[in-house]
Amino acid sequence: MKKLIVISFILALSFANSIAQKYAFVDTEYILNNIPTYKSAQAQLDKFSADWEKEISDMYSEVERLYKAYQNDAVLLTQEMKKQREDEIVSKEKVAKDLQSKYFGPDGELFKKRQELIKPIQDEVYNAVKELAVEGNYAVIFDSAGSLSMLYTNPRYDLSDDILEKLGYRN
């Protein structure tokens, strides 16, 4: 009878341990904003983006200037000259759209630069979170920076500073 009670007690403890999972959360936005290389990479991306936007904006301004000039001169132009100017305007607009797609499209230069500059840092953070989860035996680590709604979080379970420390940064 004693053996049965001891076995039942051990089984109950092991069942309780399997149900009681450890949870924690991190704020990846906070973590990334405390990594100088991330800030530098983000600044580079912003500069590329601003330069490309200006280049495209200048092209569209040129298209608009050509169109206004065409409208002003339309009554004086022959049919052939009108066609030539219209083709020039359409051609320049197409070049501007193609350039916009090249820079900002789904597989554009900005996406490639982001993959080159930001993704390695994000992967490093992810790997640190994963290591901490394994070391701390956490079942789930939430990211409070995303769209995950958490009405209350106990700062005691915030592992963001631990992740920064694991990556070699101090806040």
C-alpha atoms as a PDB file:
ATOM      1  CA  MET A   1       0.000   0.000   0.000  1.00  0.00           C
ATOM      2  CA  LYS A   2       2.839   2.407   0.860  1.00  0.00           C
ATOM      3  CA  LYS A   3       4.434   1.654  -2.525  1.00  0.00           C
ATOM      4  CA  LEU A   4       1.222   2.576  -4.319  1.00  0.00           C
ATOM      5  CA  ILE A   5       0.959   5.880  -2.422  1.00  0.00           C
ATOM      6  CA  VAL A   6       4.619   6.769  -3.201  1.00  0.00           C
ATOM      7  CA  ILE A   7       4.189   5.912  -6.891  1.00  0.00           C
ATOM      8  CA  SER A   8       0.951   7.933  -7.052  1.00  0.00           C
ATOM      9  CA  PHE A   9       2.674  10.884  -5.380  1.00  0.00           C
ATOM     10  CA  ILE A  10       5.608  10.747  -7.844  1.00  0.00           C
ATOM     11  CA  LEU A  11       3.237  10.528 -10.797  1.00  0.00           C
ATOM     12  CA  ALA A  12       1.204  13.476  -9.484  1.00  0.00           C
ATOM     13  CA  LEU A  13       4.377  15.579  -9.082  1.00  0.00           C
ATOM     14  CA  SER A  14       5.628  14.740 -12.557  1.00  0.00           C
ATOM     15  CA  PHE A  15       2.176  15.547 -14.018  1.00  0.00           C
ATOM     16  CA  ALA A  16       2.127  18.886 -12.166  1.00  0.00           C
ATOM     17  CA  ASN A  17       5.593  19.699 -13.491  1.00  0.00           C
ATOM     18  CA  SER A  18       4.546  18.920 -17.061  1.00  0.00           C
ATOM     19  CA  ILE A  19       1.549  21.276 -16.793  1.00  0.00           C
ATOM     20  CA  ALA A  20       3.378  24.142 -15.055  1.00  0.00           C
ATOM     21  CA  GLN A  21       5.241  25.774 -17.909  1.00  0.00           C
ATOM     22  CA  LYS A  22       7.519  28.783 -17.633  1.00  0.00           C
ATOM     23  CA  TYR A  23       6.663  31.827 -19.713  1.00  0.00           C
ATOM     24  CA  ALA A  24       8.520  35.066 -20.284  1.00  0.00           C
ATOM     25  CA  PHE A  25       8.490  37.977 -22.665  1.00  0.00           C
ATOM     26  CA  VAL A  26      10.976  40.222 -24.417  1.00  0.00           C
ATOM     27  CA  ASP A  27      10.613  43.522 -26.211  1.00  0.00           C
ATOM     28  CA  THR A  28      12.542  43.140 -29.463  1.00  0.00           C
ATOM     29  CA  GLU A  29      12.038  46.812 -30.324  1.00  0.00           C
ATOM     30  CA  TYR A  30      13.723  47.778 -27.048  1.00  0.00           C
ATOM     31  CA  ILE A  31      16.491  45.239 -27.624  1.00  0.00           C
ATOM     32  CA  LEU A  32      17.193  46.367 -31.183  1.00  0.00           C
ATOM     33  CA  ASN A  33      17.158  50.053 -30.197  1.00  0.00           C
ATOM     34  CA  ASN A  34      19.885  49.288 -27.645  1.00  0.00           C
ATOM     35  CA  ILE A  35      22.182  47.689 -30.218  1.00  0.00           C
ATOM     36  CA  PRO A  36      24.392  50.343 -31.859  1.00  0.00           C
ATOM     37  CA  THR A  37      24.921  48.309 -35.058  1.00  0.00           C
ATOM     38  CA  TYR A  38      21.149  48.121 -35.532  1.00  0.00           C
ATOM     39  CA  LYS A  39      20.797  51.887 -35.178  1.00  0.00           C
ATOM     40  CA  SER A  40      23.617  52.366 -37.671  1.00  0.00           C
ATOM     41  CA  ALA A  41      22.075  49.895 -40.129  1.00  0.00           C
ATOM     42  CA  GLN A  42      18.670  51.552 -39.791  1.00  0.00           C
ATOM     43  CA  ALA A  43      20.250  54.967 -40.438  1.00  0.00           C
ATOM     44  CA  GLN A  44      21.903  53.581 -43.586  1.00  0.00           C
ATOM     45  CA  LEU A  45      18.583  52.169 -44.789  1.00  0.00           C
ATOM     46  CA  ASP A  46      16.866  55.495 -44.125  1.00  0.00           C
ATOM     47  CA  LYS A  47      19.547  57.305 -46.142  1.00  0.00           C
ATOM     48  CA  PHE A  48      19.248  54.886 -49.074  1.00  0.00           C
ATOM     49  CA  SER A  49      15.483  55.243 -48.985  1.00  0.00           C
ATOM     50  CA  ALA A  50      15.581  59.050 -48.848  1.00  0.00           C
ATOM     51  CA  ASP A  51      18.088  59.245 -51.717  1.00  0.00           C
ATOM     52  CA  TRP A  52      16.030  56.899 -53.882  1.00  0.00           C
ATOM     53  CA  GLU A  53      12.790  58.718 -53.062  1.00  0.00           C
ATOM     54  CA  LYS A  54      14.393  62.015 -54.101  1.00  0.00           C
ATOM     55  CA  GLU A  55      15.660  60.501 -57.355  1.00  0.00           C
ATOM     56  CA  ILE A  56      12.187  59.171 -58.184  1.00  0.00           C
ATOM     57  CA  SER A  57      10.506  62.402 -57.103  1.00  0.00           C
ATOM     58  CA  ASP A  58      12.843  64.363 -59.398  1.00  0.00           C
ATOM     59  CA  MET A  59      11.905  62.082 -62.292  1.00  0.00           C
ATOM     60  CA  TYR A  60       8.178  62.573 -61.660  1.00  0.00           C
ATOM     61  CA  SER A  61       8.738  66.334 -61.421  1.00  0.00           C
ATOM     62  CA  GLU A  62      10.400  66.211 -64.825  1.00  0.00           C
ATOM     63  CA  VAL A  63       7.434  64.257 -66.217  1.00  0.00           C
ATOM     64  CA  GLU A  64       5.044  66.827 -64.770  1.00  0.00           C
ATOM     65  CA  ARG A  65       7.119  69.710 -66.205  1.00  0.00           C
ATOM     66  CA  LEU A  66       7.095  68.073 -69.647  1.00  0.00           C
ATOM     67  CA  TYR A  67       3.330  67.511 -69.445  1.00  0.00           C
ATOM     68  CA  LYS A  68       2.636  71.154 -68.511  1.00  0.00           C
ATOM     69  CA  ALA A  69       4.882  72.357 -71.335  1.00  0.00           C
ATOM     70  CA  TYR A  70       3.019  70.016 -73.697  1.00  0.00           C
ATOM     71  CA  GLN A  71      -0.355  71.385 -72.578  1.00  0.00           C
ATOM     72  CA  ASN A  72       0.830  74.972 -73.066  1.00  0.00           C
ATOM     73  CA  ASP A  73       2.248  74.254 -76.525  1.00  0.00           C
ATOM     74  CA  ALA A  74      -0.430  71.809 -77.720  1.00  0.00           C
ATOM     75  CA  VAL A  75      -2.318  74.320 -79.884  1.00  0.00           C
ATOM     76  CA  LEU A  76       0.864  75.246 -81.736  1.00  0.00           C
ATOM     77  CA  LEU A  77       2.087  71.683 -82.371  1.00  0.00           C
ATOM     78  CA  THR A  78       1.447  69.517 -85.390  1.00  0.00           C
ATOM     79  CA  GLN A  79      -0.060  66.059 -84.905  1.00  0.00           C
ATOM     80  CA  GLU A  80       3.355  64.488 -85.388  1.00  0.00           C
ATOM     81  CA  MET A  81       4.973  66.779 -82.800  1.00  0.00           C
ATOM     82  CA  LYS A  82       2.141  66.082 -80.331  1.00  0.00           C
ATOM     83  CA  LYS A  83       2.638  62.344 -80.756  1.00  0.00           C
ATOM     84  CA  GLN A  84       6.392  62.722 -80.268  1.00  0.00           C
ATOM     85  CA  ARG A  85       5.969  64.738 -77.035  1.00  0.00           C
ATOM     86  CA  GLU A  86       3.301  62.353 -75.709  1.00  0.00           C
ATOM     87  CA  ASP A  87       5.621  59.402 -76.349  1.00  0.00           C
ATOM     88  CA  GLU A  88       8.455  61.203 -74.550  1.00  0.00           C
ATOM     89  CA  ILE A  89       6.240  61.896 -71.519  1.00  0.00           C
ATOM     90  CA  VAL A  90       4.948  58.317 -71.391  1.00  0.00           C
ATOM     91  CA  SER A  91       8.471  56.969 -71.780  1.00  0.00           C
ATOM     92  CA  LYS A  92       9.868  59.097 -68.930  1.00  0.00           C
ATOM     93  CA  GLU A  93       6.937  58.137 -66.704  1.00  0.00           C
ATOM     94  CA  LYS A  94       7.575  54.460 -67.424  1.00  0.00           C
ATOM     95  CA  VAL A  95      11.260  54.876 -66.549  1.00  0.00           C
ATOM     96  CA  ALA A  96      10.265  56.513 -63.239  1.00  0.00           C
ATOM     97  CA  LYS A  97       7.806  53.702 -62.412  1.00  0.00           C
ATOM     98  CA  ASP A  98      10.383  51.050 -63.305  1.00  0.00           C
ATOM     99  CA  LEU A  99      12.966  52.740 -61.086  1.00  0.00           C
ATOM    100  CA  GLN A 100      10.442  52.965 -58.256  1.00  0.00           C
ATOM    101  CA  SER A 101       9.757  49.263 -58.600  1.00  0.00           C
ATOM    102  CA  LYS A 102      13.488  48.509 -58.758  1.00  0.00           C
ATOM    103  CA  TYR A 103      14.143  50.355 -55.497  1.00  0.00           C
ATOM    104  CA  PHE A 104      10.965  49.750 -53.501  1.00  0.00           C
ATOM    105  CA  GLY A 105       9.361  46.660 -55.066  1.00  0.00           C
ATOM    106  CA  PRO A 106       8.940  43.331 -53.279  1.00  0.00           C
ATOM    107  CA  ASP A 107      12.412  42.198 -54.351  1.00  0.00           C
ATOM    108  CA  GLY A 108      13.787  45.715 -54.719  1.00  0.00           C
ATOM    109  CA  GLU A 109      17.027  47.257 -53.582  1.00  0.00           C
ATOM    110  CA  LEU A 110      15.575  48.410 -50.244  1.00  0.00           C
ATOM    111  CA  PHE A 111      14.442  44.859 -49.435  1.00  0.00           C
ATOM    112  CA  LYS A 112      17.887  43.498 -50.364  1.00  0.00           C
ATOM    113  CA  LYS A 113      19.658  46.150 -48.272  1.00  0.00           C
ATOM    114  CA  ARG A 114      17.382  45.378 -45.323  1.00  0.00           C
ATOM    115  CA  GLN A 115      18.214  41.675 -45.678  1.00  0.00           C
ATOM    116  CA  GLU A 116      21.911  42.530 -45.829  1.00  0.00           C
ATOM    117  CA  LEU A 117      22.015  45.010 -42.932  1.00  0.00           C
ATOM    118  CA  ILE A 118      19.163  44.205 -40.534  1.00  0.00           C
ATOM    119  CA  LYS A 119      18.489  40.477 -40.867  1.00  0.00           C
ATOM    120  CA  PRO A 120      21.835  39.326 -39.376  1.00  0.00           C
ATOM    121  CA  ILE A 121      21.174  41.444 -36.278  1.00  0.00           C
ATOM    122  CA  GLN A 122      17.616  40.103 -35.975  1.00  0.00           C
ATOM    123  CA  ASP A 123      18.932  36.542 -36.367  1.00  0.00           C
ATOM    124  CA  GLU A 124      21.484  37.180 -33.625  1.00  0.00           C
ATOM    125  CA  VAL A 125      18.712  38.405 -31.294  1.00  0.00           C
ATOM    126  CA  TYR A 126      16.531  35.405 -32.189  1.00  0.00           C
ATOM    127  CA  ASN A 127      19.383  32.990 -31.452  1.00  0.00           C
ATOM    128  CA  ALA A 128      20.032  34.677 -28.090  1.00  0.00           C
ATOM    129  CA  VAL A 129      16.320  34.379 -27.221  1.00  0.00           C
ATOM    130  CA  LYS A 130      16.372  30.721 -28.231  1.00  0.00           C
ATOM    131  CA  GLU A 131      19.475  30.023 -26.109  1.00  0.00           C
ATOM    132  CA  LEU A 132      17.947  31.795 -23.118  1.00  0.00           C
ATOM    133  CA  ALA A 133      14.724  29.827 -23.558  1.00  0.00           C
ATOM    134  CA  VAL A 134      16.625  26.553 -23.534  1.00  0.00           C
ATOM    135  CA  GLU A 135      18.855  27.574 -20.605  1.00  0.00           C
ATOM    136  CA  GLY A 136      15.918  28.865 -18.548  1.00  0.00           C
ATOM    137  CA  ASN A 137      13.623  26.015 -19.557  1.00  0.00           C
ATOM    138  CA  TYR A 138      10.944  28.404 -20.857  1.00  0.00           C
ATOM    139  CA  ALA A 139       8.052  26.915 -22.763  1.00  0.00           C
ATOM    140  CA  VAL A 140       7.160  30.186 -24.490  1.00  0.00           C
ATOM    141  CA  ILE A 141       8.788  33.594 -24.815  1.00  0.00           C
ATOM    142  CA  PHE A 142       6.462  36.293 -26.112  1.00  0.00           C
ATOM    143  CA  ASP A 143       7.487  39.432 -27.967  1.00  0.00           C
ATOM    144  CA  SER A 144       5.725  42.424 -26.450  1.00  0.00           C
ATOM    145  CA  ALA A 145       6.906  44.731 -29.273  1.00  0.00           C
ATOM    146  CA  GLY A 146       4.702  43.070 -31.872  1.00  0.00           C
ATOM    147  CA  SER A 147       0.954  43.091 -32.147  1.00  0.00           C
ATOM    148  CA  LEU A 148       0.646  40.680 -29.243  1.00  0.00           C
ATOM    149  CA  SER A 149      -1.696  42.219 -26.707  1.00  0.00           C
ATOM    150  CA  MET A 150      -0.598  41.857 -23.129  1.00  0.00           C
ATOM    151  CA  LEU A 151      -2.740  43.693 -20.631  1.00  0.00           C
ATOM    152  CA  TYR A 152      -0.288  43.185 -17.810  1.00  0.00           C
ATOM    153  CA  THR A 153       3.305  42.082 -17.745  1.00  0.00           C
ATOM    154  CA  ASN A 154       5.345  41.635 -14.631  1.00  0.00           C
ATOM    155  CA  PRO A 155       8.741  43.252 -15.257  1.00  0.00           C
ATOM    156  CA  ARG A 156      10.275  40.356 -13.313  1.00  0.00           C
ATOM    157  CA  TYR A 157       9.657  38.112 -16.324  1.00  0.00           C
ATOM    158  CA  ASP A 158      10.970  40.579 -18.916  1.00  0.00           C
ATOM    159  CA  LEU A 159      14.116  39.018 -20.339  1.00  0.00           C
ATOM    160  CA  SER A 160      14.993  41.893 -22.684  1.00  0.00           C
ATOM    161  CA  ASP A 161      18.002  43.025 -20.628  1.00  0.00           C
ATOM    162  CA  ASP A 162      19.171  39.404 -20.351  1.00  0.00           C
ATOM    163  CA  ILE A 163      19.099  39.149 -24.152  1.00  0.00           C
ATOM    164  CA  LEU A 164      21.111  42.370 -24.479  1.00  0.00           C
ATOM    165  CA  GLU A 165      23.620  41.034 -21.958  1.00  0.00           C
ATOM    166  CA  LYS A 166      23.848  37.717 -23.812  1.00  0.00           C
ATOM    167  CA  LEU A 167      24.598  39.676 -27.001  1.00  0.00           C
ATOM    168  CA  GLY A 168      27.326  41.619 -25.177  1.00  0.00           C
ATOM    169  CA  TYR A 169      25.480  44.928 -24.737  1.00  0.00           C
ATOM    170  CA  ARG A 170      24.666  46.771 -21.557  1.00  0.00           C
ATOM    171  CA  ASN A 171      21.825  49.226 -21.044  1.00  0.00           C
END
